[in-house]
Amino acid sequence: MARHVAERLGENPNLTAVVGGDFNVGETDLAKSGTDPADDRTDGYDDTHALLAGGLVDGLRLRSLTREMGNTYCDTRGDGVFPYPGVGAIDVLYVGGAEAERFGEASRGRDTFGSDRYPVWAERAP
């Protein structure tokens, strides 16, 4: 995915790319979010954050819109205790390219609508 985004942005300087999804590893969870895929390939965790934002793939450095958001995984046990404190958002949005700066920080919904995650979204300024 990172290589595809880097190639498209390289081919078209007017393009803006938004990448989002459920990465299952919090971007601020330093115990699981690696920065060296060669060293981290055996830990069982995904290095997608580093691949999209760390310049590891063809210099690609997308900007996270969810880094400061906090948790997007909700209390599924019903006891009011978040089961994975400190991991940050695992449902994330990254942006890069021509109009990346027009995107503000992402927002998190207040209702899960039956999911174990809160929805996230970002708005692009006109």
N, C-alpha and C. Protein backbone atom coordinates (compact mmCIF):
# COMPACT_ATOMS: atom_id res chain seq x y z
N MET A 1 0.83 -1.18 0.00
CA MET A 1 0.00 0.00 0.00
C MET A 1 0.88 1.25 0.00
N ALA A 2 1.89 1.30 0.86
CA ALA A 2 2.75 2.48 0.94
C ALA A 2 3.46 2.73 -0.39
N ARG A 3 3.94 1.68 -1.01
CA ARG A 3 4.61 1.84 -2.31
C ARG A 3 3.63 2.38 -3.36
N HIS A 4 2.43 1.87 -3.37
CA HIS A 4 1.41 2.34 -4.32
C HIS A 4 1.13 3.84 -4.11
N VAL A 5 0.95 4.25 -2.87
CA VAL A 5 0.68 5.66 -2.57
C VAL A 5 1.88 6.51 -2.99
N ALA A 6 3.09 6.08 -2.66
CA ALA A 6 4.29 6.83 -3.02
C ALA A 6 4.40 6.98 -4.54
N GLU A 7 4.12 5.91 -5.27
CA GLU A 7 4.18 5.96 -6.73
C GLU A 7 3.15 6.93 -7.30
N ARG A 8 1.91 6.86 -6.81
CA ARG A 8 0.86 7.75 -7.32
C ARG A 8 1.19 9.21 -7.02
N LEU A 9 1.64 9.50 -5.81
CA LEU A 9 1.98 10.88 -5.46
C LEU A 9 3.17 11.36 -6.28
N GLY A 10 4.13 10.47 -6.55
CA GLY A 10 5.28 10.84 -7.36
C GLY A 10 4.92 11.11 -8.81
N GLU A 11 3.94 10.41 -9.33
CA GLU A 11 3.51 10.57 -10.72
C GLU A 11 2.67 11.83 -10.93
N ASN A 12 1.96 12.26 -9.90
CA ASN A 12 1.04 13.38 -10.05
C ASN A 12 1.19 14.34 -8.87
N PRO A 13 1.92 15.44 -9.05
CA PRO A 13 2.14 16.38 -7.94
C PRO A 13 0.88 17.09 -7.47
N ASN A 14 -0.21 17.01 -8.23
CA ASN A 14 -1.47 17.64 -7.84
C ASN A 14 -2.37 16.72 -7.03
N LEU A 15 -1.94 15.50 -6.85
CA LEU A 15 -2.76 14.50 -6.17
C LEU A 15 -2.65 14.62 -4.65
N THR A 16 -3.74 14.35 -3.97
CA THR A 16 -3.76 14.24 -2.51
C THR A 16 -4.24 12.84 -2.18
N ALA A 17 -3.56 12.18 -1.28
CA ALA A 17 -3.92 10.81 -0.89
C ALA A 17 -4.33 10.77 0.57
N VAL A 18 -5.43 10.10 0.85
CA VAL A 18 -5.87 9.84 2.21
C VAL A 18 -5.90 8.33 2.39
N VAL A 19 -5.21 7.86 3.42
CA VAL A 19 -5.18 6.43 3.73
C VAL A 19 -5.76 6.26 5.12
N GLY A 20 -6.72 5.38 5.25
CA GLY A 20 -7.32 5.16 6.56
C GLY A 20 -7.69 3.72 6.77
N GLY A 21 -7.85 3.36 8.02
CA GLY A 21 -8.29 2.02 8.31
C GLY A 21 -8.07 1.61 9.74
N ASP A 22 -8.42 0.39 10.01
CA ASP A 22 -8.24 -0.24 11.31
C ASP A 22 -6.90 -0.96 11.27
N PHE A 23 -5.89 -0.38 11.90
CA PHE A 23 -4.54 -0.93 11.84
C PHE A 23 -4.26 -1.90 12.98
N ASN A 24 -5.14 -1.94 13.97
CA ASN A 24 -5.01 -2.85 15.12
C ASN A 24 -3.77 -2.66 15.97
N VAL A 25 -2.95 -1.70 15.64
CA VAL A 25 -1.81 -1.32 16.48
C VAL A 25 -1.85 0.19 16.60
N GLY A 26 -1.86 0.68 17.82
CA GLY A 26 -1.90 2.11 18.04
C GLY A 26 -0.62 2.78 17.60
N GLU A 27 -0.77 3.90 16.95
CA GLU A 27 0.39 4.61 16.42
C GLU A 27 1.31 5.10 17.54
N THR A 28 0.79 5.32 18.72
CA THR A 28 1.63 5.76 19.84
C THR A 28 2.01 4.61 20.77
N ASP A 29 1.66 3.39 20.40
CA ASP A 29 2.01 2.21 21.19
C ASP A 29 3.42 1.77 20.80
N LEU A 30 4.42 2.36 21.44
CA LEU A 30 5.81 2.13 21.06
C LEU A 30 6.26 0.70 21.26
N ALA A 31 5.57 -0.05 22.11
CA ALA A 31 5.95 -1.45 22.31
C ALA A 31 5.58 -2.32 21.10
N LYS A 32 4.62 -1.85 20.30
CA LYS A 32 4.15 -2.66 19.17
C LYS A 32 4.34 -2.00 17.81
N SER A 33 4.53 -0.70 17.79
CA SER A 33 4.63 0.02 16.53
C SER A 33 6.10 0.24 16.22
N GLY A 34 6.64 -0.61 15.38
CA GLY A 34 8.07 -0.56 15.07
C GLY A 34 8.43 0.47 14.03
N THR A 35 9.73 0.69 13.89
CA THR A 35 10.23 1.62 12.89
C THR A 35 11.23 0.97 11.95
N ASP A 36 11.54 -0.29 12.16
CA ASP A 36 12.49 -1.00 11.32
C ASP A 36 11.89 -2.35 10.94
N PRO A 37 11.22 -2.42 9.78
CA PRO A 37 10.56 -3.67 9.39
C PRO A 37 11.49 -4.87 9.36
N ALA A 38 12.76 -4.69 9.05
CA ALA A 38 13.69 -5.82 9.02
C ALA A 38 13.87 -6.42 10.41
N ASP A 39 13.95 -5.57 11.42
CA ASP A 39 14.10 -6.05 12.79
C ASP A 39 12.78 -6.49 13.40
N ASP A 40 11.71 -5.87 12.97
CA ASP A 40 10.42 -6.09 13.61
C ASP A 40 9.57 -7.16 12.94
N ARG A 41 10.03 -7.76 11.88
CA ARG A 41 9.18 -8.67 11.12
C ARG A 41 8.76 -9.91 11.88
N THR A 42 9.45 -10.24 12.95
CA THR A 42 9.12 -11.45 13.70
C THR A 42 8.32 -11.18 14.97
N ASP A 43 8.01 -9.92 15.25
CA ASP A 43 7.32 -9.63 16.51
C ASP A 43 5.81 -9.86 16.44
N GLY A 44 5.28 -10.10 15.26
CA GLY A 44 3.85 -10.37 15.13
C GLY A 44 2.99 -9.13 15.02
N TYR A 45 3.61 -7.95 14.98
CA TYR A 45 2.85 -6.71 14.88
C TYR A 45 3.11 -6.04 13.54
N ASP A 46 2.19 -5.19 13.17
CA ASP A 46 2.22 -4.51 11.88
C ASP A 46 3.04 -3.23 11.99
N ASP A 47 3.88 -2.98 11.00
CA ASP A 47 4.69 -1.76 10.97
C ASP A 47 4.12 -0.73 10.01
N THR A 48 2.83 -0.79 9.75
CA THR A 48 2.21 0.09 8.77
C THR A 48 2.42 1.55 9.10
N HIS A 49 2.38 1.92 10.37
CA HIS A 49 2.58 3.33 10.73
C HIS A 49 3.93 3.82 10.24
N ALA A 50 4.97 3.05 10.47
CA ALA A 50 6.31 3.44 10.03
C ALA A 50 6.40 3.46 8.51
N LEU A 51 5.74 2.52 7.85
CA LEU A 51 5.80 2.46 6.39
C LEU A 51 5.10 3.66 5.75
N LEU A 52 4.03 4.15 6.36
CA LEU A 52 3.29 5.28 5.79
C LEU A 52 3.88 6.63 6.18
N ALA A 53 4.45 6.74 7.35
CA ALA A 53 4.87 8.06 7.83
C ALA A 53 6.37 8.21 8.06
N GLY A 54 7.11 7.12 8.06
CA GLY A 54 8.51 7.18 8.44
C GLY A 54 9.52 7.34 7.32
N GLY A 55 9.07 7.47 6.09
CA GLY A 55 10.00 7.63 4.98
C GLY A 55 10.69 6.34 4.57
N LEU A 56 10.21 5.20 5.04
CA LEU A 56 10.87 3.92 4.77
C LEU A 56 10.61 3.40 3.36
N VAL A 57 9.53 3.85 2.74
CA VAL A 57 9.17 3.38 1.40
C VAL A 57 9.24 4.56 0.44
N ASP A 58 10.27 4.60 -0.36
CA ASP A 58 10.44 5.64 -1.38
C ASP A 58 10.29 7.05 -0.80
N GLY A 59 10.68 7.24 0.46
CA GLY A 59 10.62 8.56 1.09
C GLY A 59 9.23 9.01 1.49
N LEU A 60 8.24 8.14 1.43
CA LEU A 60 6.86 8.51 1.75
C LEU A 60 6.74 8.93 3.21
N ARG A 61 6.18 10.11 3.43
CA ARG A 61 5.96 10.62 4.78
C ARG A 61 4.57 11.25 4.85
N LEU A 62 3.57 10.40 5.03
CA LEU A 62 2.22 10.91 5.20
C LEU A 62 2.07 11.47 6.60
N ARG A 63 1.16 12.43 6.76
CA ARG A 63 0.90 13.05 8.06
C ARG A 63 -0.29 12.37 8.71
N SER A 64 -0.13 12.00 9.96
CA SER A 64 -1.23 11.39 10.70
C SER A 64 -2.22 12.45 11.12
N LEU A 65 -3.48 12.15 10.95
CA LEU A 65 -4.55 13.04 11.43
C LEU A 65 -5.13 12.54 12.75
N THR A 66 -4.65 11.41 13.23
CA THR A 66 -5.22 10.78 14.42
C THR A 66 -4.21 10.57 15.54
N ARG A 67 -2.97 10.97 15.37
CA ARG A 67 -1.92 10.67 16.35
C ARG A 67 -2.26 11.15 17.76
N GLU A 68 -2.83 12.32 17.87
CA GLU A 68 -3.12 12.91 19.19
C GLU A 68 -4.53 12.60 19.67
N MET A 69 -5.25 11.78 18.95
CA MET A 69 -6.66 11.54 19.24
C MET A 69 -6.89 10.76 20.53
N GLY A 70 -6.03 9.86 20.85
CA GLY A 70 -6.31 8.96 21.97
C GLY A 70 -6.95 7.68 21.45
N ASN A 71 -7.50 6.92 22.34
CA ASN A 71 -8.03 5.60 22.00
C ASN A 71 -9.26 5.67 21.10
N THR A 72 -9.32 4.74 20.16
CA THR A 72 -10.53 4.59 19.35
C THR A 72 -11.22 3.27 19.66
N TYR A 73 -10.57 2.43 20.41
CA TYR A 73 -11.15 1.16 20.86
C TYR A 73 -11.90 1.45 22.14
N CYS A 74 -13.13 0.98 22.25
CA CYS A 74 -13.95 1.34 23.41
C CYS A 74 -13.98 0.24 24.47
N ASP A 75 -14.58 0.57 25.58
CA ASP A 75 -14.76 -0.38 26.68
C ASP A 75 -15.78 -1.42 26.26
N THR A 76 -15.34 -2.62 25.98
CA THR A 76 -16.26 -3.66 25.53
C THR A 76 -16.71 -4.57 26.66
N ARG A 77 -16.11 -4.40 27.83
CA ARG A 77 -16.47 -5.27 28.96
C ARG A 77 -17.60 -4.68 29.79
N GLY A 78 -17.87 -3.39 29.59
CA GLY A 78 -18.95 -2.75 30.32
C GLY A 78 -18.59 -2.33 31.73
N ASP A 79 -17.30 -2.37 32.08
CA ASP A 79 -16.90 -1.99 33.44
C ASP A 79 -16.31 -0.58 33.51
N GLY A 80 -16.33 0.15 32.38
CA GLY A 80 -15.82 1.51 32.36
C GLY A 80 -14.31 1.60 32.31
N VAL A 81 -13.64 0.48 32.19
CA VAL A 81 -12.17 0.47 32.14
C VAL A 81 -11.73 0.14 30.72
N PHE A 82 -10.94 1.03 30.14
CA PHE A 82 -10.43 0.78 28.80
C PHE A 82 -9.43 -0.37 28.85
N PRO A 83 -9.61 -1.41 28.02
CA PRO A 83 -8.78 -2.61 28.13
C PRO A 83 -7.34 -2.45 27.67
N TYR A 84 -7.02 -1.41 26.91
CA TYR A 84 -5.66 -1.25 26.39
C TYR A 84 -5.21 0.20 26.55
N PRO A 85 -4.92 0.64 27.76
CA PRO A 85 -4.57 2.04 27.98
C PRO A 85 -3.25 2.41 27.31
N GLY A 86 -3.21 3.63 26.77
CA GLY A 86 -1.98 4.16 26.23
C GLY A 86 -1.61 3.75 24.83
N VAL A 87 -2.46 2.99 24.15
CA VAL A 87 -2.07 2.54 22.81
C VAL A 87 -2.38 3.58 21.74
N GLY A 88 -3.24 4.53 22.04
CA GLY A 88 -3.62 5.52 21.04
C GLY A 88 -4.62 4.97 20.06
N ALA A 89 -4.85 5.75 19.02
CA ALA A 89 -5.83 5.36 18.00
C ALA A 89 -5.33 4.16 17.22
N ILE A 90 -6.20 3.17 17.06
CA ILE A 90 -5.88 2.04 16.18
C ILE A 90 -6.68 2.15 14.88
N ASP A 91 -7.62 3.05 14.85
CA ASP A 91 -8.37 3.39 13.64
C ASP A 91 -7.85 4.75 13.22
N VAL A 92 -7.13 4.79 12.12
CA VAL A 92 -6.32 5.97 11.82
C VAL A 92 -6.56 6.52 10.43
N LEU A 93 -6.14 7.78 10.26
CA LEU A 93 -6.17 8.46 8.96
C LEU A 93 -4.81 9.12 8.74
N TYR A 94 -4.28 8.92 7.53
CA TYR A 94 -3.05 9.58 7.10
C TYR A 94 -3.35 10.36 5.83
N VAL A 95 -2.64 11.47 5.61
CA VAL A 95 -2.83 12.26 4.40
C VAL A 95 -1.48 12.75 3.90
N GLY A 96 -1.38 12.88 2.59
CA GLY A 96 -0.17 13.42 1.98
C GLY A 96 -0.48 13.97 0.61
N GLY A 97 0.42 14.76 0.09
CA GLY A 97 0.25 15.29 -1.25
C GLY A 97 -0.12 16.75 -1.28
N ALA A 98 -0.61 17.17 -2.43
CA ALA A 98 -0.80 18.58 -2.75
C ALA A 98 -1.67 19.35 -1.75
N GLU A 99 -2.72 18.76 -1.28
CA GLU A 99 -3.64 19.49 -0.40
C GLU A 99 -3.68 18.92 1.01
N ALA A 100 -2.63 18.25 1.40
CA ALA A 100 -2.60 17.61 2.72
C ALA A 100 -2.80 18.61 3.85
N GLU A 101 -2.25 19.81 3.71
CA GLU A 101 -2.35 20.80 4.78
C GLU A 101 -3.76 21.35 4.94
N ARG A 102 -4.64 21.06 4.01
CA ARG A 102 -6.02 21.52 4.11
C ARG A 102 -6.86 20.63 5.02
N PHE A 103 -6.28 19.52 5.44
CA PHE A 103 -6.99 18.60 6.34
C PHE A 103 -6.64 18.93 7.78
N GLY A 104 -7.68 19.07 8.60
CA GLY A 104 -7.46 19.28 10.02
C GLY A 104 -7.30 17.97 10.75
N GLU A 105 -6.99 18.05 12.02
CA GLU A 105 -6.88 16.85 12.84
C GLU A 105 -8.21 16.10 12.81
N ALA A 106 -8.15 14.81 12.89
CA ALA A 106 -9.35 13.98 12.83
C ALA A 106 -10.17 14.12 14.12
N SER A 107 -11.44 13.80 13.99
CA SER A 107 -12.36 13.79 15.13
C SER A 107 -12.81 12.35 15.39
N ARG A 108 -13.20 12.11 16.62
CA ARG A 108 -13.69 10.79 17.01
C ARG A 108 -15.14 10.91 17.43
N GLY A 109 -15.95 9.97 16.97
CA GLY A 109 -17.36 9.96 17.34
C GLY A 109 -17.55 9.60 18.80
N ARG A 110 -18.76 9.83 19.28
CA ARG A 110 -19.07 9.54 20.69
C ARG A 110 -19.85 8.25 20.87
N ASP A 111 -20.37 7.72 19.78
CA ASP A 111 -21.18 6.50 19.84
C ASP A 111 -20.57 5.46 18.92
N THR A 112 -20.54 4.24 19.38
CA THR A 112 -19.95 3.17 18.58
C THR A 112 -20.94 2.49 17.65
N PHE A 113 -22.22 2.75 17.82
CA PHE A 113 -23.25 2.17 16.97
C PHE A 113 -23.14 0.65 16.91
N GLY A 114 -22.82 0.02 18.04
CA GLY A 114 -22.73 -1.43 18.11
C GLY A 114 -21.36 -2.01 17.81
N SER A 115 -20.42 -1.18 17.44
CA SER A 115 -19.06 -1.63 17.14
C SER A 115 -18.21 -1.60 18.41
N ASP A 116 -17.01 -2.15 18.35
CA ASP A 116 -16.07 -2.02 19.46
C ASP A 116 -15.11 -0.86 19.22
N ARG A 117 -15.40 -0.04 18.20
CA ARG A 117 -14.56 1.11 17.85
C ARG A 117 -15.41 2.35 17.68
N TYR A 118 -14.77 3.48 17.94
CA TYR A 118 -15.40 4.75 17.65
C TYR A 118 -15.07 5.15 16.21
N PRO A 119 -16.00 5.77 15.50
CA PRO A 119 -15.69 6.23 14.15
C PRO A 119 -14.74 7.42 14.20
N VAL A 120 -13.92 7.56 13.18
CA VAL A 120 -13.03 8.71 13.04
C VAL A 120 -13.26 9.34 11.67
N TRP A 121 -13.07 10.65 11.59
CA TRP A 121 -13.21 11.37 10.33
C TRP A 121 -12.38 12.63 10.38
N ALA A 122 -12.13 13.17 9.20
CA ALA A 122 -11.41 14.44 9.08
C ALA A 122 -12.11 15.27 8.01
N GLU A 123 -11.97 16.58 8.15
CA GLU A 123 -12.56 17.48 7.17
C GLU A 123 -11.46 18.21 6.41
N ARG A 124 -11.74 18.45 5.15
CA ARG A 124 -10.83 19.19 4.29
C ARG A 124 -11.37 20.61 4.16
N ALA A 125 -10.53 21.58 4.44
CA ALA A 125 -10.94 22.97 4.32
C ALA A 125 -11.14 23.31 2.85
N PRO A 126 -12.13 24.16 2.56
CA PRO A 126 -12.38 24.54 1.15
C PRO A 126 -11.21 25.31 0.54
